[in-house]
Amino acid sequence: MSAEDTAALRAIPLFAKLTDRAVSLLGGVAIVRPVSRGTTLFLQDETADRFFVLLDGWVKLYRLTRDGTEAVVHVIGPAESFAEAAMFADGKFPVCAEAVTDARVMTLTADGFARCLREDDRIAFGMLGSLSVRLRHLVTQIEQLQVQPAPQRVAAFLMRVCPPGDGPAQFQLPFDKALIARRLGMQPETLSRALAKLRAVGVDTQGLTVNVAERAALRAMAEAGEEE
């Protein structure tokens, strides 16, 4: 695993409290691979014998209803882990996972993870601490979804996918607006109204193309939402 991938692993909340040796052990058994848009990572009710870290790209988690309808549960972004709860429970995947963009995924199998635990049992304690931090972070996210106005949530998402820097910018949304709405915990029509309100700060959206007149103005909108 490259130094860049090791740094990315360290930045993920699940591994944030691990020692350098523990991160090195996990990196030694991890498999990093590119996946193309549309690739299925796992299917609902398959044995959960692995979990994943998304290094780049986006992945949707969804359930299939009895009539075959797809119900999106969540959209995973870069530097997020997923499916670990199912693996730790020694159960089955409760959802399907599909890459909605080209992506890079790190896979940690249950057997590989168990070998790391036998090498260094402090990994378990470190991950327990990390899980506690992650739980607090998720609670904060839920609170923000409940109280943060939709335009600020959309502004924060746009800043996440916008190229870094100042001044004007043009970029493509990573996936369709229906999935973006799901990611942000809102209805598609609410997303459309929020995007319309962002025109006041110089944001224009045509299809999946976003033009930002001044990134500082968009950043200020996003940060104002965080402070409320």
C-alpha atoms as a PDB file:
ATOM      1  CA  MET A   1       0.000   0.000   0.000  1.00  0.00           C
ATOM      2  CA  SER A   2       1.362   3.412  -0.971  1.00  0.00           C
ATOM      3  CA  ALA A   3       2.304   6.136   1.498  1.00  0.00           C
ATOM      4  CA  GLU A   4      -0.605   8.181   0.132  1.00  0.00           C
ATOM      5  CA  ASP A   5      -3.056   5.357   0.838  1.00  0.00           C
ATOM      6  CA  THR A   6      -1.593   4.879   4.317  1.00  0.00           C
ATOM      7  CA  ALA A   7      -2.160   8.580   5.023  1.00  0.00           C
ATOM      8  CA  ALA A   8      -5.716   8.254   3.719  1.00  0.00           C
ATOM      9  CA  LEU A   9      -6.293   5.289   6.038  1.00  0.00           C
ATOM     10  CA  ARG A  10      -5.055   7.349   8.987  1.00  0.00           C
ATOM     11  CA  ALA A  11      -7.491  10.169   8.111  1.00  0.00           C
ATOM     12  CA  ILE A  12     -10.530   7.883   8.350  1.00  0.00           C
ATOM     13  CA  PRO A  13     -12.359   8.154  11.701  1.00  0.00           C
ATOM     14  CA  LEU A  14     -12.437   4.375  12.199  1.00  0.00           C
ATOM     15  CA  PHE A  15      -8.625   4.249  12.271  1.00  0.00           C
ATOM     16  CA  ALA A  16      -7.835   7.694  13.662  1.00  0.00           C
ATOM     17  CA  LYS A  17      -6.728   6.482  17.101  1.00  0.00           C
ATOM     18  CA  LEU A  18      -4.577   3.564  15.945  1.00  0.00           C
ATOM     19  CA  THR A  19      -0.801   3.469  16.409  1.00  0.00           C
ATOM     20  CA  ASP A  20       1.514   3.666  13.407  1.00  0.00           C
ATOM     21  CA  ARG A  21       2.285  -0.043  13.825  1.00  0.00           C
ATOM     22  CA  ALA A  22      -1.411  -0.916  13.811  1.00  0.00           C
ATOM     23  CA  VAL A  23      -2.038   1.116  10.659  1.00  0.00           C
ATOM     24  CA  SER A  24       0.966  -0.587   9.054  1.00  0.00           C
ATOM     25  CA  LEU A  25      -0.396  -4.029   9.962  1.00  0.00           C
ATOM     26  CA  LEU A  26      -3.810  -3.235   8.508  1.00  0.00           C
ATOM     27  CA  GLY A  27      -2.233  -1.772   5.404  1.00  0.00           C
ATOM     28  CA  GLY A  28      -0.289  -4.992   4.967  1.00  0.00           C
ATOM     29  CA  VAL A  29      -3.453  -7.088   4.619  1.00  0.00           C
ATOM     30  CA  ALA A  30      -5.588  -4.514   2.817  1.00  0.00           C
ATOM     31  CA  ILE A  31      -6.325  -4.782  -0.902  1.00  0.00           C
ATOM     32  CA  VAL A  32      -6.577  -1.514  -2.839  1.00  0.00           C
ATOM     33  CA  ARG A  33      -8.145  -1.651  -6.278  1.00  0.00           C
ATOM     34  CA  PRO A  34      -9.781   0.657  -8.804  1.00  0.00           C
ATOM     35  CA  VAL A  35     -13.417  -0.030  -9.648  1.00  0.00           C
ATOM     36  CA  SER A  36     -15.416   1.299 -12.566  1.00  0.00           C
ATOM     37  CA  ARG A  37     -18.725   3.100 -12.326  1.00  0.00           C
ATOM     38  CA  GLY A  38     -21.517   0.546 -12.044  1.00  0.00           C
ATOM     39  CA  THR A  39     -19.370  -2.090 -10.294  1.00  0.00           C
ATOM     40  CA  THR A  40     -21.205  -4.034  -7.591  1.00  0.00           C
ATOM     41  CA  LEU A  41     -19.080  -4.419  -4.455  1.00  0.00           C
ATOM     42  CA  PHE A  42     -21.478  -6.728  -2.642  1.00  0.00           C
ATOM     43  CA  LEU A  43     -25.097  -7.801  -2.689  1.00  0.00           C
ATOM     44  CA  GLN A  44     -27.760  -7.773  -0.025  1.00  0.00           C
ATOM     45  CA  ASP A  45     -27.783 -10.995   2.071  1.00  0.00           C
ATOM     46  CA  GLU A  46     -24.272 -12.052   1.019  1.00  0.00           C
ATOM     47  CA  THR A  47     -21.998 -13.174   3.844  1.00  0.00           C
ATOM     48  CA  ALA A  48     -20.343 -10.108   5.360  1.00  0.00           C
ATOM     49  CA  ASP A  49     -16.765 -11.385   5.354  1.00  0.00           C
ATOM     50  CA  ARG A  50     -15.098  -8.040   4.568  1.00  0.00           C
ATOM     51  CA  PHE A  51     -15.462  -4.307   4.953  1.00  0.00           C
ATOM     52  CA  PHE A  52     -14.399  -1.379   2.850  1.00  0.00           C
ATOM     53  CA  VAL A  53     -12.724   2.011   2.891  1.00  0.00           C
ATOM     54  CA  LEU A  54     -13.499   4.370   0.028  1.00  0.00           C
ATOM     55  CA  LEU A  55     -10.345   6.233  -0.986  1.00  0.00           C
ATOM     56  CA  ASP A  56     -11.768   8.063  -4.015  1.00  0.00           C
ATOM     57  CA  GLY A  57     -15.138   8.234  -5.725  1.00  0.00           C
ATOM     58  CA  TRP A  58     -18.674   7.574  -4.501  1.00  0.00           C
ATOM     59  CA  VAL A  59     -20.624   4.412  -3.651  1.00  0.00           C
ATOM     60  CA  LYS A  60     -24.350   4.036  -3.095  1.00  0.00           C
ATOM     61  CA  LEU A  61     -25.833   1.636  -0.559  1.00  0.00           C
ATOM     62  CA  TYR A  62     -29.304   0.414  -1.403  1.00  0.00           C
ATOM     63  CA  ARG A  63     -31.846  -2.259  -0.565  1.00  0.00           C
ATOM     64  CA  LEU A  64     -33.949  -4.229  -3.006  1.00  0.00           C
ATOM     65  CA  THR A  65     -37.608  -4.495  -2.065  1.00  0.00           C
ATOM     66  CA  ARG A  66     -39.690  -7.592  -2.729  1.00  0.00           C
ATOM     67  CA  ASP A  67     -40.878  -6.187  -6.046  1.00  0.00           C
ATOM     68  CA  GLY A  68     -37.307  -5.418  -7.130  1.00  0.00           C
ATOM     69  CA  THR A  69     -37.467  -1.682  -6.488  1.00  0.00           C
ATOM     70  CA  GLU A  70     -34.183  -0.049  -5.491  1.00  0.00           C
ATOM     71  CA  ALA A  71     -34.330   2.006  -2.276  1.00  0.00           C
ATOM     72  CA  VAL A  72     -31.174   4.074  -1.723  1.00  0.00           C
ATOM     73  CA  VAL A  73     -30.133   4.047   1.941  1.00  0.00           C
ATOM     74  CA  HIS A  74     -26.979   6.166   1.810  1.00  0.00           C
ATOM     75  CA  VAL A  75     -24.248   7.467  -0.495  1.00  0.00           C
ATOM     76  CA  ILE A  76     -20.674   6.911   0.721  1.00  0.00           C
ATOM     77  CA  GLY A  77     -18.046   9.542  -0.050  1.00  0.00           C
ATOM     78  CA  PRO A  78     -14.234   9.599  -0.040  1.00  0.00           C
ATOM     79  CA  ALA A  79     -12.488   8.781   3.272  1.00  0.00           C
ATOM     80  CA  GLU A  80     -15.485   6.875   4.630  1.00  0.00           C
ATOM     81  CA  SER A  81     -15.608   3.235   5.706  1.00  0.00           C
ATOM     82  CA  PHE A  82     -18.638   1.015   5.284  1.00  0.00           C
ATOM     83  CA  ALA A  83     -19.938  -2.519   5.968  1.00  0.00           C
ATOM     84  CA  GLU A  84     -17.769  -2.903   9.085  1.00  0.00           C
ATOM     85  CA  ALA A  85     -20.790  -3.296  11.391  1.00  0.00           C
ATOM     86  CA  ALA A  86     -22.106  -6.229   9.367  1.00  0.00           C
ATOM     87  CA  MET A  87     -18.679  -7.894   9.348  1.00  0.00           C
ATOM     88  CA  PHE A  88     -18.089  -7.361  13.068  1.00  0.00           C
ATOM     89  CA  ALA A  89     -21.507  -8.891  13.749  1.00  0.00           C
ATOM     90  CA  ASP A  90     -20.523 -11.951  11.684  1.00  0.00           C
ATOM     91  CA  GLY A  91     -23.701 -11.541   9.720  1.00  0.00           C
ATOM     92  CA  LYS A  92     -24.863 -10.702   6.215  1.00  0.00           C
ATOM     93  CA  PHE A  93     -24.757  -7.481   4.262  1.00  0.00           C
ATOM     94  CA  PRO A  94     -28.100  -5.722   4.856  1.00  0.00           C
ATOM     95  CA  VAL A  95     -27.744  -3.685   1.652  1.00  0.00           C
ATOM     96  CA  CYS A  96     -26.161  -3.762  -1.804  1.00  0.00           C
ATOM     97  CA  ALA A  97     -23.204  -1.527  -2.684  1.00  0.00           C
ATOM     98  CA  GLU A  98     -22.515  -0.111  -6.141  1.00  0.00           C
ATOM     99  CA  ALA A  99     -19.951   2.413  -7.364  1.00  0.00           C
ATOM    100  CA  VAL A 100     -21.775   5.404  -8.851  1.00  0.00           C
ATOM    101  CA  THR A 101     -18.491   6.871 -10.138  1.00  0.00           C
ATOM    102  CA  ASP A 102     -15.097   5.434 -10.942  1.00  0.00           C
ATOM    103  CA  ALA A 103     -13.544   4.805  -7.536  1.00  0.00           C
ATOM    104  CA  ARG A 104     -10.649   3.386  -5.554  1.00  0.00           C
ATOM    105  CA  VAL A 105     -11.638   0.989  -2.797  1.00  0.00           C
ATOM    106  CA  MET A 106      -9.664  -0.592   0.010  1.00  0.00           C
ATOM    107  CA  THR A 107     -10.938  -3.989   1.180  1.00  0.00           C
ATOM    108  CA  LEU A 108     -10.152  -5.562   4.554  1.00  0.00           C
ATOM    109  CA  THR A 109     -11.259  -9.170   4.928  1.00  0.00           C
ATOM    110  CA  ALA A 110     -12.406 -10.654   8.221  1.00  0.00           C
ATOM    111  CA  ASP A 111      -9.522 -13.164   8.151  1.00  0.00           C
ATOM    112  CA  GLY A 112      -6.946 -10.461   7.456  1.00  0.00           C
ATOM    113  CA  PHE A 113      -8.363  -8.251  10.160  1.00  0.00           C
ATOM    114  CA  ALA A 114      -8.298 -11.155  12.641  1.00  0.00           C
ATOM    115  CA  ARG A 115      -4.609 -11.764  11.855  1.00  0.00           C
ATOM    116  CA  CYS A 116      -3.878  -8.123  12.661  1.00  0.00           C
ATOM    117  CA  LEU A 117      -5.693  -8.458  15.993  1.00  0.00           C
ATOM    118  CA  ARG A 118      -3.579 -11.484  16.888  1.00  0.00           C
ATOM    119  CA  GLU A 119      -0.446  -9.467  16.078  1.00  0.00           C
ATOM    120  CA  ASP A 120      -1.510  -6.421  18.077  1.00  0.00           C
ATOM    121  CA  ASP A 121      -4.572  -6.591  20.336  1.00  0.00           C
ATOM    122  CA  ARG A 122      -4.334  -2.815  20.870  1.00  0.00           C
ATOM    123  CA  ILE A 123      -5.963  -2.468  17.449  1.00  0.00           C
ATOM    124  CA  ALA A 124      -9.267  -3.520  19.016  1.00  0.00           C
ATOM    125  CA  PHE A 125      -9.023  -0.889  21.766  1.00  0.00           C
ATOM    126  CA  GLY A 126      -7.955   1.756  19.287  1.00  0.00           C
ATOM    127  CA  MET A 127     -10.894   1.007  17.046  1.00  0.00           C
ATOM    128  CA  LEU A 128     -13.288   1.088  19.997  1.00  0.00           C
ATOM    129  CA  GLY A 129     -12.090   4.612  20.718  1.00  0.00           C
ATOM    130  CA  SER A 130     -12.398   5.515  17.041  1.00  0.00           C
ATOM    131  CA  LEU A 131     -15.918   4.103  16.901  1.00  0.00           C
ATOM    132  CA  SER A 132     -16.888   6.286  19.863  1.00  0.00           C
ATOM    133  CA  VAL A 133     -15.547   9.357  18.046  1.00  0.00           C
ATOM    134  CA  ARG A 134     -17.353   8.300  14.885  1.00  0.00           C
ATOM    135  CA  LEU A 135     -20.613   7.855  16.789  1.00  0.00           C
ATOM    136  CA  ARG A 136     -20.357  11.403  18.132  1.00  0.00           C
ATOM    137  CA  HIS A 137     -19.631  12.620  14.611  1.00  0.00           C
ATOM    138  CA  LEU A 138     -22.711  10.817  13.261  1.00  0.00           C
ATOM    139  CA  VAL A 139     -24.859  12.333  16.009  1.00  0.00           C
ATOM    140  CA  THR A 140     -23.548  15.775  15.004  1.00  0.00           C
ATOM    141  CA  GLN A 141     -24.385  15.017  11.364  1.00  0.00           C
ATOM    142  CA  ILE A 142     -27.927  14.042  12.310  1.00  0.00           C
ATOM    143  CA  GLU A 143     -28.319  17.263  14.280  1.00  0.00           C
ATOM    144  CA  GLN A 144     -27.086  19.264  11.289  1.00  0.00           C
ATOM    145  CA  LEU A 145     -29.549  17.518   8.987  1.00  0.00           C
ATOM    146  CA  GLN A 146     -32.333  18.498  11.355  1.00  0.00           C
ATOM    147  CA  VAL A 147     -31.427  22.148  11.907  1.00  0.00           C
ATOM    148  CA  GLN A 148     -29.173  23.293   9.053  1.00  0.00           C
ATOM    149  CA  PRO A 149     -31.039  25.013   6.200  1.00  0.00           C
ATOM    150  CA  ALA A 150     -30.999  23.185   2.872  1.00  0.00           C
ATOM    151  CA  PRO A 151     -28.990  25.876   0.986  1.00  0.00           C
ATOM    152  CA  GLN A 152     -26.164  25.630   3.528  1.00  0.00           C
ATOM    153  CA  ARG A 153     -26.115  21.828   3.315  1.00  0.00           C
ATOM    154  CA  VAL A 154     -25.949  22.018  -0.476  1.00  0.00           C
ATOM    155  CA  ALA A 155     -23.226  24.690  -0.304  1.00  0.00           C
ATOM    156  CA  ALA A 156     -21.140  22.461   1.971  1.00  0.00           C
ATOM    157  CA  PHE A 157     -21.539  19.532  -0.439  1.00  0.00           C
ATOM    158  CA  LEU A 158     -20.549  21.697  -3.414  1.00  0.00           C
ATOM    159  CA  MET A 159     -17.443  22.876  -1.550  1.00  0.00           C
ATOM    160  CA  ARG A 160     -16.508  19.258  -0.945  1.00  0.00           C
ATOM    161  CA  VAL A 161     -16.574  18.392  -4.668  1.00  0.00           C
ATOM    162  CA  CYS A 162     -15.328  21.777  -5.931  1.00  0.00           C
ATOM    163  CA  PRO A 163     -11.654  22.025  -6.994  1.00  0.00           C
ATOM    164  CA  PRO A 164      -9.553  23.653  -4.249  1.00  0.00           C
ATOM    165  CA  GLY A 165      -8.526  27.268  -4.496  1.00  0.00           C
ATOM    166  CA  ASP A 166     -10.095  30.706  -4.767  1.00  0.00           C
ATOM    167  CA  GLY A 167     -11.826  32.642  -7.494  1.00  0.00           C
ATOM    168  CA  PRO A 168     -14.231  31.198 -10.073  1.00  0.00           C
ATOM    169  CA  ALA A 169     -14.589  27.472 -10.754  1.00  0.00           C
ATOM    170  CA  GLN A 170     -16.426  25.095 -13.046  1.00  0.00           C
ATOM    171  CA  PHE A 171     -16.869  21.415 -12.216  1.00  0.00           C
ATOM    172  CA  GLN A 172     -19.171  18.453 -12.691  1.00  0.00           C
ATOM    173  CA  LEU A 173     -21.388  16.986  -9.996  1.00  0.00           C
ATOM    174  CA  PRO A 174     -20.109  13.463  -9.281  1.00  0.00           C
ATOM    175  CA  PHE A 175     -23.501  11.783  -9.700  1.00  0.00           C
ATOM    176  CA  ASP A 176     -27.124  12.585 -10.411  1.00  0.00           C
ATOM    177  CA  LYS A 177     -29.117  15.043  -8.353  1.00  0.00           C
ATOM    178  CA  ALA A 178     -31.517  12.431  -6.977  1.00  0.00           C
ATOM    179  CA  LEU A 179     -28.584  10.701  -5.265  1.00  0.00           C
ATOM    180  CA  ILE A 180     -27.192  14.031  -4.076  1.00  0.00           C
ATOM    181  CA  ALA A 181     -30.554  14.782  -2.472  1.00  0.00           C
ATOM    182  CA  ARG A 182     -30.468  11.389  -0.758  1.00  0.00           C
ATOM    183  CA  ARG A 183     -26.915  12.014   0.454  1.00  0.00           C
ATOM    184  CA  LEU A 184     -28.014  15.350   1.971  1.00  0.00           C
ATOM    185  CA  GLY A 185     -31.196  14.003   3.546  1.00  0.00           C
ATOM    186  CA  MET A 186     -33.661  15.983   1.445  1.00  0.00           C
ATOM    187  CA  GLN A 187     -36.211  15.532  -1.324  1.00  0.00           C
ATOM    188  CA  PRO A 188     -35.129  16.231  -4.947  1.00  0.00           C
ATOM    189  CA  GLU A 189     -37.453  19.236  -5.140  1.00  0.00           C
ATOM    190  CA  THR A 190     -35.855  20.663  -1.982  1.00  0.00           C
ATOM    191  CA  LEU A 191     -32.445  20.278  -3.620  1.00  0.00           C
ATOM    192  CA  SER A 192     -33.688  22.151  -6.694  1.00  0.00           C
ATOM    193  CA  ARG A 193     -34.975  25.035  -4.560  1.00  0.00           C
ATOM    194  CA  ALA A 194     -31.700  25.154  -2.611  1.00  0.00           C
ATOM    195  CA  LEU A 195     -29.667  25.323  -5.817  1.00  0.00           C
ATOM    196  CA  ALA A 196     -31.902  28.145  -7.025  1.00  0.00           C
ATOM    197  CA  LYS A 197     -31.248  30.086  -3.802  1.00  0.00           C
ATOM    198  CA  LEU A 198     -27.488  29.639  -4.261  1.00  0.00           C
ATOM    199  CA  ARG A 199     -27.644  31.775  -7.399  1.00  0.00           C
ATOM    200  CA  ALA A 200     -27.588  34.722  -5.002  1.00  0.00           C
ATOM    201  CA  VAL A 201     -23.979  33.813  -4.111  1.00  0.00           C
ATOM    202  CA  GLY A 202     -22.921  33.206  -7.701  1.00  0.00           C
ATOM    203  CA  VAL A 203     -23.662  29.507  -8.143  1.00  0.00           C
ATOM    204  CA  ASP A 204     -25.256  28.444 -11.437  1.00  0.00           C
ATOM    205  CA  THR A 205     -26.144  24.836 -12.197  1.00  0.00           C
ATOM    206  CA  GLN A 206     -26.960  23.504 -15.649  1.00  0.00           C
ATOM    207  CA  GLY A 207     -27.551  19.774 -15.546  1.00  0.00           C
ATOM    208  CA  LEU A 208     -24.509  18.320 -13.775  1.00  0.00           C
ATOM    209  CA  THR A 209     -22.279  21.325 -14.591  1.00  0.00           C
ATOM    210  CA  VAL A 210     -21.736  23.813 -11.788  1.00  0.00           C
ATOM    211  CA  ASN A 211     -20.293  27.289 -12.307  1.00  0.00           C
ATOM    212  CA  VAL A 212     -19.148  29.186  -9.212  1.00  0.00           C
ATOM    213  CA  ALA A 213     -18.424  32.894  -9.643  1.00  0.00           C
ATOM    214  CA  GLU A 214     -16.397  33.147  -6.441  1.00  0.00           C
ATOM    215  CA  ARG A 215     -15.448  30.191  -4.257  1.00  0.00           C
ATOM    216  CA  ALA A 216     -15.020  32.428  -1.209  1.00  0.00           C
ATOM    217  CA  ALA A 217     -18.713  33.368  -1.352  1.00  0.00           C
ATOM    218  CA  LEU A 218     -19.768  29.710  -1.587  1.00  0.00           C
ATOM    219  CA  ARG A 219     -17.389  28.813   1.239  1.00  0.00           C
ATOM    220  CA  ALA A 220     -18.849  31.566   3.425  1.00  0.00           C
ATOM    221  CA  MET A 221     -22.358  30.225   2.790  1.00  0.00           C
ATOM    222  CA  ALA A 222     -21.292  26.688   3.761  1.00  0.00           C
ATOM    223  CA  GLU A 223     -19.451  27.830   6.903  1.00  0.00           C
ATOM    224  CA  ALA A 224     -22.348  30.046   7.969  1.00  0.00           C
ATOM    225  CA  GLY A 225     -24.524  26.918   7.957  1.00  0.00           C
ATOM    226  CA  GLU A 226     -22.019  25.099  10.155  1.00  0.00           C
ATOM    227  CA  GLU A 227     -22.073  27.871  12.710  1.00  0.00           C
ATOM    228  CA  GLU A 228     -25.855  27.967  13.101  1.00  0.00           C
END
